[in-house]
C-alpha atoms as a PDB file:
ATOM      1  CA  UNK A   1      -0.050   0.035  -0.074  1.00  0.00           C
ATOM      2  CA  UNK A   2       1.359   3.490  -0.860  1.00  0.00           C
ATOM      3  CA  UNK A   3       2.309   5.737   1.964  1.00  0.00           C
ATOM      4  CA  UNK A   4       0.218   8.836   2.216  1.00  0.00           C
ATOM      5  CA  UNK A   5       2.176  11.798   3.455  1.00  0.00           C
ATOM      6  CA  UNK A   6       0.781  13.657   6.513  1.00  0.00           C
ATOM      7  CA  UNK A   7      -0.352  17.204   6.138  1.00  0.00           C
ATOM      8  CA  UNK A   8       2.187  19.843   7.033  1.00  0.00           C
ATOM      9  CA  UNK A   9       2.868  23.512   6.583  1.00  0.00           C
ATOM     10  CA  UNK A  10       4.231  23.051   3.045  1.00  0.00           C
ATOM     11  CA  UNK A  11       0.775  21.851   2.071  1.00  0.00           C
ATOM     12  CA  UNK A  12      -0.741  25.370   2.906  1.00  0.00           C
ATOM     13  CA  UNK A  13      -2.414  26.862  -0.234  1.00  0.00           C
ATOM     14  CA  UNK A  14      -0.963  30.022  -1.659  1.00  0.00           C
ATOM     15  CA  UNK A  15      -1.659  32.866   0.649  1.00  0.00           C
ATOM     16  CA  UNK A  16      -0.517  35.747  -1.470  1.00  0.00           C
ATOM     17  CA  UNK A  17      -2.822  38.718  -1.128  1.00  0.00           C
ATOM     18  CA  UNK A  18      -4.269  37.587   2.058  1.00  0.00           C
ATOM     19  CA  UNK A  19      -3.920  39.285   5.506  1.00  0.00           C
ATOM     20  CA  UNK A  20      -3.952  37.573   8.781  1.00  0.00           C
ATOM     21  CA  UNK A  21      -3.849  38.747  12.390  1.00  0.00           C
ATOM     22  CA  UNK A  22      -2.122  36.393  14.944  1.00  0.00           C
ATOM     23  CA  UNK A  23      -2.519  37.210  18.653  1.00  0.00           C
ATOM     24  CA  UNK A  24       0.240  36.259  21.012  1.00  0.00           C
ATOM     25  CA  UNK A  25       2.524  35.956  18.052  1.00  0.00           C
ATOM     26  CA  UNK A  26       6.050  36.586  19.608  1.00  0.00           C
ATOM     27  CA  UNK A  27       6.781  33.040  20.661  1.00  0.00           C
ATOM     28  CA  UNK A  28       5.596  29.378  20.653  1.00  0.00           C
ATOM     29  CA  UNK A  29       2.617  28.531  18.593  1.00  0.00           C
ATOM     30  CA  UNK A  30       2.101  32.079  17.614  1.00  0.00           C
ATOM     31  CA  UNK A  31       5.350  32.675  15.941  1.00  0.00           C
ATOM     32  CA  UNK A  32       5.259  29.298  14.269  1.00  0.00           C
ATOM     33  CA  UNK A  33       1.829  30.186  12.828  1.00  0.00           C
ATOM     34  CA  UNK A  34       3.130  33.577  11.609  1.00  0.00           C
ATOM     35  CA  UNK A  35       6.168  31.954   9.976  1.00  0.00           C
ATOM     36  CA  UNK A  36       4.126  29.363   8.083  1.00  0.00           C
ATOM     37  CA  UNK A  37       1.462  31.829   6.829  1.00  0.00           C
ATOM     38  CA  UNK A  38       4.191  34.353   5.773  1.00  0.00           C
ATOM     39  CA  UNK A  39       6.138  31.650   3.949  1.00  0.00           C
ATOM     40  CA  UNK A  40       2.961  30.789   2.065  1.00  0.00           C
ATOM     41  CA  UNK A  41       2.710  34.464   0.909  1.00  0.00           C
ATOM     42  CA  UNK A  42       0.379  36.105   3.477  1.00  0.00           C
ATOM     43  CA  UNK A  43       0.809  39.517   5.161  1.00  0.00           C
ATOM     44  CA  UNK A  44       0.678  38.582   8.740  1.00  0.00           C
ATOM     45  CA  UNK A  45       0.246  41.071  11.687  1.00  0.00           C
ATOM     46  CA  UNK A  46       1.796  40.056  15.032  1.00  0.00           C
ATOM     47  CA  UNK A  47      -0.626  41.366  17.633  1.00  0.00           C
ATOM     48  CA  UNK A  48       1.485  41.343  20.756  1.00  0.00           C
ATOM     49  CA  UNK A  49       1.571  42.966  24.220  1.00  0.00           C
ATOM     50  CA  UNK A  50       5.383  43.619  23.981  1.00  0.00           C
ATOM     51  CA  UNK A  51       6.315  45.263  20.798  1.00  0.00           C
ATOM     52  CA  UNK A  52       9.979  44.914  21.245  1.00  0.00           C
ATOM     53  CA  UNK A  53       9.656  41.163  21.694  1.00  0.00           C
ATOM     54  CA  UNK A  54       7.303  41.183  18.786  1.00  0.00           C
ATOM     55  CA  UNK A  55       9.856  42.968  16.567  1.00  0.00           C
ATOM     56  CA  UNK A  56      12.476  40.296  17.666  1.00  0.00           C
ATOM     57  CA  UNK A  57      10.144  37.535  16.788  1.00  0.00           C
ATOM     58  CA  UNK A  58       9.384  39.133  13.462  1.00  0.00           C
ATOM     59  CA  UNK A  59      12.957  39.320  12.579  1.00  0.00           C
ATOM     60  CA  UNK A  60      13.196  35.535  12.734  1.00  0.00           C
ATOM     61  CA  UNK A  61      10.758  35.249   9.778  1.00  0.00           C
ATOM     62  CA  UNK A  62      13.407  35.442   7.058  1.00  0.00           C
ATOM     63  CA  UNK A  63      13.191  34.582   3.392  1.00  0.00           C
ATOM     64  CA  UNK A  64       9.322  34.396   3.398  1.00  0.00           C
ATOM     65  CA  UNK A  65       7.312  35.336   0.386  1.00  0.00           C
ATOM     66  CA  UNK A  66       4.880  37.274   2.459  1.00  0.00           C
ATOM     67  CA  UNK A  67       5.469  40.073   4.907  1.00  0.00           C
ATOM     68  CA  UNK A  68       5.042  40.678   8.702  1.00  0.00           C
ATOM     69  CA  UNK A  69       4.407  43.680  10.869  1.00  0.00           C
ATOM     70  CA  UNK A  70       3.958  44.232  14.616  1.00  0.00           C
ATOM     71  CA  UNK A  71       1.208  45.989  16.349  1.00  0.00           C
ATOM     72  CA  UNK A  72       0.519  46.316  20.086  1.00  0.00           C
ATOM     73  CA  UNK A  73      -2.460  44.470  21.652  1.00  0.00           C
ATOM     74  CA  UNK A  74      -2.897  43.632  25.332  1.00  0.00           C
ATOM     75  CA  UNK A  75      -5.843  41.266  25.617  1.00  0.00           C
ATOM     76  CA  UNK A  76      -5.993  41.851  29.426  1.00  0.00           C
ATOM     77  CA  UNK A  77      -6.848  45.476  28.781  1.00  0.00           C
ATOM     78  CA  UNK A  78     -10.124  46.256  26.874  1.00  0.00           C
ATOM     79  CA  UNK A  79      -8.863  49.736  26.129  1.00  0.00           C
ATOM     80  CA  UNK A  80      -5.918  48.162  24.254  1.00  0.00           C
ATOM     81  CA  UNK A  81      -8.286  45.844  22.427  1.00  0.00           C
ATOM     82  CA  UNK A  82     -10.532  48.809  21.342  1.00  0.00           C
ATOM     83  CA  UNK A  83      -7.491  50.767  20.275  1.00  0.00           C
ATOM     84  CA  UNK A  84      -6.178  47.870  18.155  1.00  0.00           C
ATOM     85  CA  UNK A  85      -9.556  47.490  16.499  1.00  0.00           C
ATOM     86  CA  UNK A  86     -10.055  51.125  15.976  1.00  0.00           C
ATOM     87  CA  UNK A  87      -6.836  51.430  14.088  1.00  0.00           C
ATOM     88  CA  UNK A  88      -7.895  48.634  11.691  1.00  0.00           C
ATOM     89  CA  UNK A  89      -9.384  49.831   8.424  1.00  0.00           C
ATOM     90  CA  UNK A  90      -8.558  47.062   5.827  1.00  0.00           C
ATOM     91  CA  UNK A  91     -10.095  43.734   4.802  1.00  0.00           C
ATOM     92  CA  UNK A  92      -8.923  40.996   7.136  1.00  0.00           C
ATOM     93  CA  UNK A  93      -8.985  37.480   5.644  1.00  0.00           C
ATOM     94  CA  UNK A  94      -7.959  35.667   8.802  1.00  0.00           C
ATOM     95  CA  UNK A  95      -8.108  36.356  12.642  1.00  0.00           C
ATOM     96  CA  UNK A  96      -6.162  33.802  14.724  1.00  0.00           C
ATOM     97  CA  UNK A  97      -7.046  34.019  18.444  1.00  0.00           C
ATOM     98  CA  UNK A  98      -3.863  32.274  19.690  1.00  0.00           C
ATOM     99  CA  UNK A  99      -2.712  34.261  22.714  1.00  0.00           C
ATOM    100  CA  UNK A 100      -3.188  32.721  26.138  1.00  0.00           C
ATOM    101  CA  UNK A 101      -2.018  32.297  29.752  1.00  0.00           C
ATOM    102  CA  UNK A 102      -2.094  28.967  31.538  1.00  0.00           C
ATOM    103  CA  UNK A 103      -2.251  27.920  35.248  1.00  0.00           C
ATOM    104  CA  UNK A 104      -0.928  31.207  36.609  1.00  0.00           C
ATOM    105  CA  UNK A 105      -1.414  32.571  40.088  1.00  0.00           C
ATOM    106  CA  UNK A 106      -4.567  34.418  40.742  1.00  0.00           C
ATOM    107  CA  UNK A 107      -4.621  37.866  39.317  1.00  0.00           C
ATOM    108  CA  UNK A 108      -6.917  40.396  37.564  1.00  0.00           C
ATOM    109  CA  UNK A 109      -6.935  42.044  34.096  1.00  0.00           C
ATOM    110  CA  UNK A 110      -7.023  45.806  33.832  1.00  0.00           C
ATOM    111  CA  UNK A 111     -10.758  45.650  33.829  1.00  0.00           C
ATOM    112  CA  UNK A 112     -10.958  43.455  36.930  1.00  0.00           C
ATOM    113  CA  UNK A 113     -11.600  40.099  35.316  1.00  0.00           C
ATOM    114  CA  UNK A 114      -9.860  36.927  36.383  1.00  0.00           C
ATOM    115  CA  UNK A 115      -6.814  36.812  34.256  1.00  0.00           C
ATOM    116  CA  UNK A 116      -7.179  33.572  32.464  1.00  0.00           C
ATOM    117  CA  UNK A 117     -10.819  34.003  31.634  1.00  0.00           C
ATOM    118  CA  UNK A 118     -10.229  37.629  30.799  1.00  0.00           C
ATOM    119  CA  UNK A 119      -7.305  37.101  28.497  1.00  0.00           C
ATOM    120  CA  UNK A 120      -8.068  33.787  26.832  1.00  0.00           C
ATOM    121  CA  UNK A 121     -11.852  34.435  26.358  1.00  0.00           C
ATOM    122  CA  UNK A 122     -13.059  37.948  27.020  1.00  0.00           C
ATOM    123  CA  UNK A 123     -10.128  39.643  25.315  1.00  0.00           C
ATOM    124  CA  UNK A 124     -10.535  37.592  22.237  1.00  0.00           C
ATOM    125  CA  UNK A 125     -14.457  37.876  22.399  1.00  0.00           C
ATOM    126  CA  UNK A 126     -14.174  41.718  22.281  1.00  0.00           C
ATOM    127  CA  UNK A 127     -11.405  41.695  19.646  1.00  0.00           C
ATOM    128  CA  UNK A 128     -13.317  39.352  17.307  1.00  0.00           C
ATOM    129  CA  UNK A 129     -16.534  41.349  17.502  1.00  0.00           C
ATOM    130  CA  UNK A 130     -14.716  44.639  16.940  1.00  0.00           C
ATOM    131  CA  UNK A 131     -12.823  43.363  13.962  1.00  0.00           C
ATOM    132  CA  UNK A 132     -15.656  41.319  12.464  1.00  0.00           C
ATOM    133  CA  UNK A 133     -16.833  43.983  10.056  1.00  0.00           C
ATOM    134  CA  UNK A 134     -13.387  43.587   8.332  1.00  0.00           C
ATOM    135  CA  UNK A 135     -13.150  39.783   8.430  1.00  0.00           C
ATOM    136  CA  UNK A 136     -13.661  38.229   5.039  1.00  0.00           C
ATOM    137  CA  UNK A 137     -12.880  34.555   5.541  1.00  0.00           C
ATOM    138  CA  UNK A 138     -12.621  32.989   9.104  1.00  0.00           C
ATOM    139  CA  UNK A 139     -11.915  33.268  12.747  1.00  0.00           C
ATOM    140  CA  UNK A 140      -9.757  30.440  14.350  1.00  0.00           C
ATOM    141  CA  UNK A 141      -9.615  30.341  18.131  1.00  0.00           C
ATOM    142  CA  UNK A 142      -7.010  28.123  19.818  1.00  0.00           C
ATOM    143  CA  UNK A 143      -8.583  25.988  22.494  1.00  0.00           C
ATOM    144  CA  UNK A 144      -7.162  23.084  24.484  1.00  0.00           C
ATOM    145  CA  UNK A 145      -7.609  19.530  25.531  1.00  0.00           C
ATOM    146  CA  UNK A 146      -7.967  21.050  29.025  1.00  0.00           C
ATOM    147  CA  UNK A 147     -11.537  21.745  28.205  1.00  0.00           C
ATOM    148  CA  UNK A 148     -11.978  18.057  28.986  1.00  0.00           C
ATOM    149  CA  UNK A 149     -11.047  18.277  32.675  1.00  0.00           C
ATOM    150  CA  UNK A 150     -13.558  16.265  34.744  1.00  0.00           C
ATOM    151  CA  UNK A 151     -16.346  18.459  36.068  1.00  0.00           C
ATOM    152  CA  UNK A 152     -15.277  21.452  33.849  1.00  0.00           C
ATOM    153  CA  UNK A 153     -18.068  24.012  33.441  1.00  0.00           C
ATOM    154  CA  UNK A 154     -18.724  27.683  32.970  1.00  0.00           C
ATOM    155  CA  UNK A 155     -19.164  29.107  36.478  1.00  0.00           C
ATOM    156  CA  UNK A 156     -21.906  31.466  35.571  1.00  0.00           C
ATOM    157  CA  UNK A 157     -22.597  32.392  39.086  1.00  0.00           C
ATOM    158  CA  UNK A 158     -18.878  33.280  39.685  1.00  0.00           C
ATOM    159  CA  UNK A 159     -17.060  33.751  36.451  1.00  0.00           C
ATOM    160  CA  UNK A 160     -14.086  35.365  38.233  1.00  0.00           C
ATOM    161  CA  UNK A 161     -13.894  32.424  40.530  1.00  0.00           C
ATOM    162  CA  UNK A 162     -13.754  34.751  43.506  1.00  0.00           C
ATOM    163  CA  UNK A 163     -13.031  32.781  46.673  1.00  0.00           C
ATOM    164  CA  UNK A 164     -12.771  29.518  44.853  1.00  0.00           C
ATOM    165  CA  UNK A 165      -9.823  30.197  42.423  1.00  0.00           C
ATOM    166  CA  UNK A 166      -7.719  27.175  41.295  1.00  0.00           C
ATOM    167  CA  UNK A 167      -5.350  27.676  38.423  1.00  0.00           C
ATOM    168  CA  UNK A 168      -6.449  24.578  36.539  1.00  0.00           C
ATOM    169  CA  UNK A 169     -10.094  25.385  37.072  1.00  0.00           C
ATOM    170  CA  UNK A 170      -9.629  28.805  35.743  1.00  0.00           C
ATOM    171  CA  UNK A 171      -7.695  27.665  32.713  1.00  0.00           C
ATOM    172  CA  UNK A 172     -10.070  24.802  31.880  1.00  0.00           C
ATOM    173  CA  UNK A 173     -13.064  27.152  32.155  1.00  0.00           C
ATOM    174  CA  UNK A 174     -11.365  29.540  29.772  1.00  0.00           C
ATOM    175  CA  UNK A 175     -10.650  26.819  27.187  1.00  0.00           C
ATOM    176  CA  UNK A 176     -14.267  25.594  27.435  1.00  0.00           C
ATOM    177  CA  UNK A 177     -15.275  29.173  26.844  1.00  0.00           C
ATOM    178  CA  UNK A 178     -13.179  29.271  23.719  1.00  0.00           C
ATOM    179  CA  UNK A 179     -15.170  26.408  22.304  1.00  0.00           C
ATOM    180  CA  UNK A 180     -18.560  27.806  23.281  1.00  0.00           C
ATOM    181  CA  UNK A 181     -17.618  31.054  21.825  1.00  0.00           C
ATOM    182  CA  UNK A 182     -16.697  29.336  18.501  1.00  0.00           C
ATOM    183  CA  UNK A 183     -20.006  27.461  18.484  1.00  0.00           C
ATOM    184  CA  UNK A 184     -22.212  30.636  19.219  1.00  0.00           C
ATOM    185  CA  UNK A 185     -20.222  32.758  16.834  1.00  0.00           C
ATOM    186  CA  UNK A 186     -20.788  30.344  14.021  1.00  0.00           C
ATOM    187  CA  UNK A 187     -24.430  30.148  14.844  1.00  0.00           C
ATOM    188  CA  UNK A 188     -24.880  33.868  14.668  1.00  0.00           C
ATOM    189  CA  UNK A 189     -22.790  34.183  11.381  1.00  0.00           C
ATOM    190  CA  UNK A 190     -24.991  31.508   9.838  1.00  0.00           C
ATOM    191  CA  UNK A 191     -28.103  33.181  10.983  1.00  0.00           C
ATOM    192  CA  UNK A 192     -26.914  36.470   9.450  1.00  0.00           C
ATOM    193  CA  UNK A 193     -26.143  34.761   6.267  1.00  0.00           C
ATOM    194  CA  UNK A 194     -22.399  35.633   6.491  1.00  0.00           C
ATOM    195  CA  UNK A 195     -19.881  33.568   4.616  1.00  0.00           C
ATOM    196  CA  UNK A 196     -17.307  34.001   7.431  1.00  0.00           C
ATOM    197  CA  UNK A 197     -16.613  30.890   9.394  1.00  0.00           C
ATOM    198  CA  UNK A 198     -15.612  30.322  12.959  1.00  0.00           C
ATOM    199  CA  UNK A 199     -13.407  27.314  13.778  1.00  0.00           C
ATOM    200  CA  UNK A 200     -11.343  26.150  16.735  1.00  0.00           C
ATOM    201  CA  UNK A 201      -8.077  24.102  17.036  1.00  0.00           C
ATOM    202  CA  UNK A 202      -5.819  22.694  19.736  1.00  0.00           C
ATOM    203  CA  UNK A 203      -2.144  21.772  19.541  1.00  0.00           C
ATOM    204  CA  UNK A 204      -2.030  18.708  21.620  1.00  0.00           C
ATOM    205  CA  UNK A 205       0.999  18.663  23.804  1.00  0.00           C
ATOM    206  CA  UNK A 206       3.408  21.205  22.346  1.00  0.00           C
ATOM    207  CA  UNK A 207       6.537  22.345  23.933  1.00  0.00           C
ATOM    208  CA  UNK A 208       6.272  26.025  24.384  1.00  0.00           C
ATOM    209  CA  UNK A 209       7.044  28.606  27.139  1.00  0.00           C
ATOM    210  CA  UNK A 210       3.300  28.587  28.155  1.00  0.00           C
ATOM    211  CA  UNK A 211       3.924  25.794  30.679  1.00  0.00           C
ATOM    212  CA  UNK A 212       6.797  27.757  32.365  1.00  0.00           C
ATOM    213  CA  UNK A 213       4.336  30.065  34.116  1.00  0.00           C
ATOM    214  CA  UNK A 214       2.501  27.280  35.935  1.00  0.00           C
ATOM    215  CA  UNK A 215       2.034  28.176  39.540  1.00  0.00           C
ATOM    216  CA  UNK A 216       2.707  24.608  40.668  1.00  0.00           C
ATOM    217  CA  UNK A 217       6.419  23.424  40.892  1.00  0.00           C
ATOM    218  CA  UNK A 218       5.296  19.871  40.604  1.00  0.00           C
ATOM    219  CA  UNK A 219       3.355  20.571  37.293  1.00  0.00           C
ATOM    220  CA  UNK A 220       6.392  22.536  35.983  1.00  0.00           C
ATOM    221  CA  UNK A 221       8.610  19.563  36.620  1.00  0.00           C
ATOM    222  CA  UNK A 222       6.070  17.203  34.936  1.00  0.00           C
ATOM    223  CA  UNK A 223       5.854  19.579  31.995  1.00  0.00           C
ATOM    224  CA  UNK A 224       9.591  19.720  31.628  1.00  0.00           C
ATOM    225  CA  UNK A 225       9.812  15.883  31.455  1.00  0.00           C
ATOM    226  CA  UNK A 226       6.843  15.725  29.125  1.00  0.00           C
ATOM    227  CA  UNK A 227       8.273  18.391  26.845  1.00  0.00           C
ATOM    228  CA  UNK A 228      11.262  16.240  26.281  1.00  0.00           C
ATOM    229  CA  UNK A 229       9.639  12.862  25.813  1.00  0.00           C
ATOM    230  CA  UNK A 230       6.081  13.403  24.599  1.00  0.00           C
ATOM    231  CA  UNK A 231       5.572  16.925  23.310  1.00  0.00           C
ATOM    232  CA  UNK A 232       5.783  18.158  19.693  1.00  0.00           C
ATOM    233  CA  UNK A 233       7.747  21.244  18.896  1.00  0.00           C
ATOM    234  CA  UNK A 234       5.919  24.612  18.316  1.00  0.00           C
ATOM    235  CA  UNK A 235       5.828  24.112  14.560  1.00  0.00           C
ATOM    236  CA  UNK A 236       4.039  20.802  14.835  1.00  0.00           C
ATOM    237  CA  UNK A 237       1.785  22.141  17.451  1.00  0.00           C
ATOM    238  CA  UNK A 238       0.644  25.004  15.100  1.00  0.00           C
ATOM    239  CA  UNK A 239      -0.481  22.640  12.353  1.00  0.00           C
ATOM    240  CA  UNK A 240      -3.947  22.109  13.581  1.00  0.00           C
ATOM    241  CA  UNK A 241      -4.450  25.920  13.763  1.00  0.00           C
ATOM    242  CA  UNK A 242      -2.963  26.282  10.204  1.00  0.00           C
ATOM    243  CA  UNK A 243      -5.183  23.494   8.901  1.00  0.00           C
ATOM    244  CA  UNK A 244      -8.148  25.187  10.435  1.00  0.00           C
ATOM    245  CA  UNK A 245      -7.018  28.539   8.869  1.00  0.00           C
ATOM    246  CA  UNK A 246      -6.350  27.336   5.292  1.00  0.00           C
ATOM    247  CA  UNK A 247      -8.505  24.279   4.418  1.00  0.00           C
ATOM    248  CA  UNK A 248     -12.038  24.153   3.345  1.00  0.00           C
ATOM    249  CA  UNK A 249     -13.942  23.089   6.383  1.00  0.00           C
ATOM    250  CA  UNK A 250     -17.340  23.528   7.860  1.00  0.00           C
ATOM    251  CA  UNK A 251     -17.890  26.305  10.428  1.00  0.00           C
ATOM    252  CA  UNK A 252     -17.605  25.264  14.078  1.00  0.00           C
ATOM    253  CA  UNK A 253     -15.057  22.629  13.081  1.00  0.00           C
ATOM    254  CA  UNK A 254     -12.561  21.639  15.820  1.00  0.00           C
ATOM    255  CA  UNK A 255      -9.115  20.455  14.842  1.00  0.00           C
ATOM    256  CA  UNK A 256      -6.312  18.795  16.806  1.00  0.00           C
ATOM    257  CA  UNK A 257      -3.631  16.156  16.458  1.00  0.00           C
ATOM    258  CA  UNK A 258      -4.761  12.759  15.308  1.00  0.00           C
ATOM    259  CA  UNK A 259      -2.546  10.643  17.532  1.00  0.00           C
ATOM    260  CA  UNK A 260      -3.160   8.814  20.655  1.00  0.00           C
ATOM    261  CA  UNK A 261      -4.874  11.091  23.239  1.00  0.00           C
ATOM    262  CA  UNK A 262      -4.695  13.945  20.721  1.00  0.00           C
ATOM    263  CA  UNK A 263      -1.237  14.661  22.060  1.00  0.00           C
ATOM    264  CA  UNK A 264       0.656  14.773  18.779  1.00  0.00           C
ATOM    265  CA  UNK A 265       0.356  13.884  15.200  1.00  0.00           C
ATOM    266  CA  UNK A 266      -1.048  15.405  11.940  1.00  0.00           C
ATOM    267  CA  UNK A 267      -4.072  17.586  12.111  1.00  0.00           C
ATOM    268  CA  UNK A 268      -7.463  16.063  11.970  1.00  0.00           C
ATOM    269  CA  UNK A 269     -11.115  16.808  12.901  1.00  0.00           C
ATOM    270  CA  UNK A 270     -11.440  15.936  16.679  1.00  0.00           C
ATOM    271  CA  UNK A 271     -14.331  15.638  19.138  1.00  0.00           C
ATOM    272  CA  UNK A 272     -15.229  17.810  22.122  1.00  0.00           C
ATOM    273  CA  UNK A 273     -17.045  17.208  25.344  1.00  0.00           C
ATOM    274  CA  UNK A 274     -20.889  17.524  25.695  1.00  0.00           C
ATOM    275  CA  UNK A 275     -20.367  20.700  27.729  1.00  0.00           C
ATOM    276  CA  UNK A 276     -18.536  22.247  24.682  1.00  0.00           C
ATOM    277  CA  UNK A 277     -21.417  21.399  22.484  1.00  0.00           C
ATOM    278  CA  UNK A 278     -24.202  22.922  24.646  1.00  0.00           C
ATOM    279  CA  UNK A 279     -26.072  25.619  22.612  1.00  0.00           C
ATOM    280  CA  UNK A 280     -27.737  26.954  25.749  1.00  0.00           C
ATOM    281  CA  UNK A 281     -24.496  27.462  27.590  1.00  0.00           C
ATOM    282  CA  UNK A 282     -23.007  28.976  24.473  1.00  0.00           C
ATOM    283  CA  UNK A 283     -25.787  31.580  24.220  1.00  0.00           C
ATOM    284  CA  UNK A 284     -25.572  32.284  27.919  1.00  0.00           C
ATOM    285  CA  UNK A 285     -21.848  32.783  27.767  1.00  0.00           C
ATOM    286  CA  UNK A 286     -22.197  35.140  24.778  1.00  0.00           C
ATOM    287  CA  UNK A 287     -24.761  37.299  26.669  1.00  0.00           C
ATOM    288  CA  UNK A 288     -22.541  37.452  29.683  1.00  0.00           C
ATOM    289  CA  UNK A 289     -19.492  38.332  27.518  1.00  0.00           C
ATOM    290  CA  UNK A 290     -21.297  41.157  25.883  1.00  0.00           C
ATOM    291  CA  UNK A 291     -22.346  42.556  29.265  1.00  0.00           C
ATOM    292  CA  UNK A 292     -18.844  42.299  30.707  1.00  0.00           C
ATOM    293  CA  UNK A 293     -16.866  43.757  27.799  1.00  0.00           C
ATOM    294  CA  UNK A 294     -19.467  46.213  26.445  1.00  0.00           C
ATOM    295  CA  UNK A 295     -19.033  44.684  22.995  1.00  0.00           C
ATOM    296  CA  UNK A 296     -21.555  42.976  20.804  1.00  0.00           C
ATOM    297  CA  UNK A 297     -21.721  41.340  17.417  1.00  0.00           C
ATOM    298  CA  UNK A 298     -21.961  44.022  14.706  1.00  0.00           C
ATOM    299  CA  UNK A 299     -25.154  44.255  12.656  1.00  0.00           C
ATOM    300  CA  UNK A 300     -25.171  43.419   8.995  1.00  0.00           C
ATOM    301  CA  UNK A 301     -24.303  46.944   7.978  1.00  0.00           C
ATOM    302  CA  UNK A 302     -20.888  46.511   9.843  1.00  0.00           C
ATOM    303  CA  UNK A 303     -21.134  49.341  12.308  1.00  0.00           C
ATOM    304  CA  UNK A 304     -20.140  48.262  15.817  1.00  0.00           C
ATOM    305  CA  UNK A 305     -22.778  47.946  18.572  1.00  0.00           C
ATOM    306  CA  UNK A 306     -22.029  48.817  22.168  1.00  0.00           C
ATOM    307  CA  UNK A 307     -23.631  46.319  24.528  1.00  0.00           C
ATOM    308  CA  UNK A 308     -24.340  48.958  27.155  1.00  0.00           C
ATOM    309  CA  UNK A 309     -26.417  51.140  24.927  1.00  0.00           C
ATOM    310  CA  UNK A 310     -27.521  48.909  22.173  1.00  0.00           C
ATOM    311  CA  UNK A 311     -26.827  51.792  19.778  1.00  0.00           C
ATOM    312  CA  UNK A 312     -24.747  51.676  16.754  1.00  0.00           C
ATOM    313  CA  UNK A 313     -21.584  53.838  16.809  1.00  0.00           C
ATOM    314  CA  UNK A 314     -21.354  56.494  14.130  1.00  0.00           C
END
């Protein structure tokens, strides 16, 4: 039987003339995603909190057919999210919501939200809705196998986990929120007759610097061992995101590694928990996110709506 090569970054269709925004693009999965899209011909914007680090990362993308630029974006500060979106005026083929924090000590965003929920979900929720009038193709949000943590749910009665914070609980909640966000975004896009698609992807176990911030010394030690003997590198970990971003797939698709436990391997369609497929929870999360961020899905005429007033901005 003939061997069928596995899909990789060299299989990305020509991206010449296309523009992409990648959040959290200065390291790990983010810079691997940027590099692959730029080499396929895209113009890629690195949306990063630290522009000096972003410029250093951009300098590593050498010999690409496409181009890169760096713009500041702090997903833990809604004023920064609004400023990034307000400065955007051109068609945007692809928005990749990649940035994230994981298992960090309890802290708050500039707007007072629990940091993991605020950064991983609410920041991307606001960014997506503010940029959506410019998006022409798709939104890809990077989720995680951590959404499968036993008992994981959206704590609607205490989204900030005040008084009951646990790093893993907060991270798992934020990753479940990513999948519910994708589900509800696609439902709303379909209802509006939009051709834009919302998809999600997860990297499996990828060796990046994300694990180094874990509050637990025991987990950090386990991660270090796992990074050496189990994990894929960041380029392999980025493949599900790149597949979701460039292949003809249905809206609300979820991509991950095809190997055992979805830890590593070529990108493939993967499953998700029942909690991540619940339309009622997805709608409820969307409403709560509008209320918390003051940002709502734009109407068909493309002018942003503020959730507080319900009025279109001029």
